[in-house]
Amino acid sequence: MKGDKDVEYKANIAANDELVKNKRVQNFLEKGHPVNLNISWGNRGERKPLGLELYDRILAYIEAPYVVGKFKVTNHGARARLNPTKRATAKSTERDDTVSEA
């Protein structure tokens, strides 16, 4: 398994910064790296709903196949681990066809 990648978000992140980090998360998952998301809102309890909405937006943006390994919400933030899953490629399906014919 490849090395873990950590990506940290703040609850009040700007839209452009969020987009850049979302692209990085998707790229890491496509390359087979597990990603640890860390969304923090500090001791500002009023930002907790913003942080959880951000988490939902991150998951909605990602198109690469993944599985949420862990998800934990604390008083100061939320953490999640996204594990990549393998998708069938055209080469692997061709290889399977040639093996079944032999």
C-alpha atoms as a PDB file:
ATOM      1  CA  MET A   1       0.000   0.000   0.000  1.00  0.00           C
ATOM      2  CA  LYS A   2       1.242   3.459  -0.793  1.00  0.00           C
ATOM      3  CA  GLY A   3       1.903   6.123   1.828  1.00  0.00           C
ATOM      4  CA  ASP A   4      -0.885   8.053   3.487  1.00  0.00           C
ATOM      5  CA  LYS A   5      -1.582  11.633   2.446  1.00  0.00           C
ATOM      6  CA  ASP A   6      -2.900  14.176   4.945  1.00  0.00           C
ATOM      7  CA  VAL A   7      -5.089  17.059   3.778  1.00  0.00           C
ATOM      8  CA  GLU A   8      -6.206  19.694   6.276  1.00  0.00           C
ATOM      9  CA  TYR A   9      -9.202  21.973   5.846  1.00  0.00           C
ATOM     10  CA  LYS A  10     -10.551  24.821   7.979  1.00  0.00           C
ATOM     11  CA  ALA A  11     -14.315  25.217   8.320  1.00  0.00           C
ATOM     12  CA  ASN A  12     -14.231  28.742   6.852  1.00  0.00           C
ATOM     13  CA  ILE A  13     -12.074  27.885   3.811  1.00  0.00           C
ATOM     14  CA  ALA A  14     -12.403  30.007   0.667  1.00  0.00           C
ATOM     15  CA  ALA A  15     -14.124  28.409  -2.341  1.00  0.00           C
ATOM     16  CA  ASN A  16     -11.017  28.446  -4.550  1.00  0.00           C
ATOM     17  CA  ASP A  17      -8.813  26.929  -1.840  1.00  0.00           C
ATOM     18  CA  GLU A  18     -11.420  24.229  -1.274  1.00  0.00           C
ATOM     19  CA  LEU A  19     -11.427  23.404  -4.989  1.00  0.00           C
ATOM     20  CA  VAL A  20      -7.623  23.107  -5.096  1.00  0.00           C
ATOM     21  CA  LYS A  21      -7.549  20.776  -2.089  1.00  0.00           C
ATOM     22  CA  ASN A  22     -10.432  18.691  -3.457  1.00  0.00           C
ATOM     23  CA  LYS A  23      -8.512  18.187  -6.702  1.00  0.00           C
ATOM     24  CA  ARG A  24      -5.468  17.052  -4.724  1.00  0.00           C
ATOM     25  CA  VAL A  25      -7.549  14.570  -2.727  1.00  0.00           C
ATOM     26  CA  GLN A  26      -9.039  13.142  -5.918  1.00  0.00           C
ATOM     27  CA  ASN A  27      -5.595  12.887  -7.529  1.00  0.00           C
ATOM     28  CA  PHE A  28      -4.171  11.062  -4.488  1.00  0.00           C
ATOM     29  CA  LEU A  29      -7.039   8.556  -4.524  1.00  0.00           C
ATOM     30  CA  GLU A  30      -6.664   7.950  -8.268  1.00  0.00           C
ATOM     31  CA  LYS A  31      -2.977   7.161  -7.716  1.00  0.00           C
ATOM     32  CA  GLY A  32      -3.847   4.680  -4.949  1.00  0.00           C
ATOM     33  CA  HIS A  33      -2.873   6.703  -1.865  1.00  0.00           C
ATOM     34  CA  PRO A  34      -5.088   6.606   1.238  1.00  0.00           C
ATOM     35  CA  VAL A  35      -6.093  10.132   2.294  1.00  0.00           C
ATOM     36  CA  ASN A  36      -6.597  11.390   5.840  1.00  0.00           C
ATOM     37  CA  LEU A  37      -8.982  14.354   5.886  1.00  0.00           C
ATOM     38  CA  ASN A  38      -8.782  16.731   8.832  1.00  0.00           C
ATOM     39  CA  ILE A  39     -11.485  19.403   9.025  1.00  0.00           C
ATOM     40  CA  SER A  40     -11.004  21.731  11.975  1.00  0.00           C
ATOM     41  CA  TRP A  41     -13.166  24.472  13.384  1.00  0.00           C
ATOM     42  CA  GLY A  42     -11.233  24.956  16.622  1.00  0.00           C
ATOM     43  CA  ASN A  43     -13.137  25.940  19.736  1.00  0.00           C
ATOM     44  CA  ARG A  44     -15.726  27.848  17.696  1.00  0.00           C
ATOM     45  CA  GLY A  45     -18.810  25.677  18.122  1.00  0.00           C
ATOM     46  CA  GLU A  46     -20.832  27.778  15.689  1.00  0.00           C
ATOM     47  CA  ARG A  47     -18.547  26.595  12.852  1.00  0.00           C
ATOM     48  CA  LYS A  48     -19.306  22.909  13.407  1.00  0.00           C
ATOM     49  CA  PRO A  49     -22.232  22.873  10.915  1.00  0.00           C
ATOM     50  CA  LEU A  50     -19.975  24.597   8.356  1.00  0.00           C
ATOM     51  CA  GLY A  51     -17.354  21.895   8.860  1.00  0.00           C
ATOM     52  CA  LEU A  52     -19.838  19.071   8.398  1.00  0.00           C
ATOM     53  CA  GLU A  53     -21.253  20.719   5.260  1.00  0.00           C
ATOM     54  CA  LEU A  54     -17.686  21.007   3.970  1.00  0.00           C
ATOM     55  CA  TYR A  55     -17.196  17.274   4.568  1.00  0.00           C
ATOM     56  CA  ASP A  56     -20.313  16.512   2.514  1.00  0.00           C
ATOM     57  CA  ARG A  57     -19.109  18.787  -0.308  1.00  0.00           C
ATOM     58  CA  ILE A  58     -15.695  17.081  -0.347  1.00  0.00           C
ATOM     59  CA  LEU A  59     -17.250  13.631  -0.690  1.00  0.00           C
ATOM     60  CA  ALA A  60     -19.647  14.861  -3.376  1.00  0.00           C
ATOM     61  CA  TYR A  61     -16.760  16.317  -5.405  1.00  0.00           C
ATOM     62  CA  ILE A  62     -14.604  13.177  -5.466  1.00  0.00           C
ATOM     63  CA  GLU A  63     -15.216  11.013  -8.537  1.00  0.00           C
ATOM     64  CA  ALA A  64     -12.452   8.476  -7.877  1.00  0.00           C
ATOM     65  CA  PRO A  65     -13.624   5.208  -6.278  1.00  0.00           C
ATOM     66  CA  TYR A  66     -13.055   5.212  -2.520  1.00  0.00           C
ATOM     67  CA  VAL A  67     -14.337   3.822   0.761  1.00  0.00           C
ATOM     68  CA  VAL A  68     -14.609   5.830   3.993  1.00  0.00           C
ATOM     69  CA  GLY A  69     -12.523   3.791   6.428  1.00  0.00           C
ATOM     70  CA  LYS A  70     -13.057   5.892   9.539  1.00  0.00           C
ATOM     71  CA  PHE A  71     -15.021   9.014  10.397  1.00  0.00           C
ATOM     72  CA  LYS A  72     -14.872  10.746  13.761  1.00  0.00           C
ATOM     73  CA  VAL A  73     -16.297  14.066  14.951  1.00  0.00           C
ATOM     74  CA  THR A  74     -14.841  15.762  18.026  1.00  0.00           C
ATOM     75  CA  ASN A  75     -15.474  19.119  19.673  1.00  0.00           C
ATOM     76  CA  HIS A  76     -12.693  20.721  17.626  1.00  0.00           C
ATOM     77  CA  GLY A  77     -13.008  19.043  14.239  1.00  0.00           C
ATOM     78  CA  ALA A  78     -13.745  16.006  12.141  1.00  0.00           C
ATOM     79  CA  ARG A  79     -11.392  13.366  10.806  1.00  0.00           C
ATOM     80  CA  ALA A  80     -11.959  10.845   8.060  1.00  0.00           C
ATOM     81  CA  ARG A  81      -9.840   8.278   6.258  1.00  0.00           C
ATOM     82  CA  LEU A  82     -10.584   7.660   2.596  1.00  0.00           C
ATOM     83  CA  ASN A  83      -9.225   4.397   1.197  1.00  0.00           C
ATOM     84  CA  PRO A  84      -8.962   4.009  -2.579  1.00  0.00           C
ATOM     85  CA  THR A  85     -10.624   1.051  -4.277  1.00  0.00           C
ATOM     86  CA  LYS A  86      -9.417  -0.541  -7.478  1.00  0.00           C
ATOM     87  CA  ARG A  87     -11.419  -0.071 -10.641  1.00  0.00           C
ATOM     88  CA  ALA A  88     -11.263  -2.415 -13.618  1.00  0.00           C
ATOM     89  CA  THR A  89      -9.218  -1.052 -16.484  1.00  0.00           C
ATOM     90  CA  ALA A  90      -9.534  -1.881 -20.161  1.00  0.00           C
ATOM     91  CA  LYS A  91      -6.184  -3.693 -20.106  1.00  0.00           C
ATOM     92  CA  SER A  92      -7.174  -5.969 -17.241  1.00  0.00           C
ATOM     93  CA  THR A  93     -10.461  -6.926 -18.919  1.00  0.00           C
ATOM     94  CA  GLU A  94      -8.606  -7.743 -22.144  1.00  0.00           C
ATOM     95  CA  ARG A  95      -6.153  -9.881 -20.212  1.00  0.00           C
ATOM     96  CA  ASP A  96      -9.011 -11.739 -18.517  1.00  0.00           C
ATOM     97  CA  ASP A  97     -10.628 -12.461 -21.902  1.00  0.00           C
ATOM     98  CA  THR A  98      -7.432 -13.930 -23.351  1.00  0.00           C
ATOM     99  CA  VAL A  99      -6.907 -16.135 -20.305  1.00  0.00           C
ATOM    100  CA  SER A 100     -10.452 -17.532 -20.468  1.00  0.00           C
ATOM    101  CA  GLU A 101     -10.048 -18.421 -24.170  1.00  0.00           C
ATOM    102  CA  ALA A 102      -6.868 -20.443 -23.631  1.00  0.00           C
END
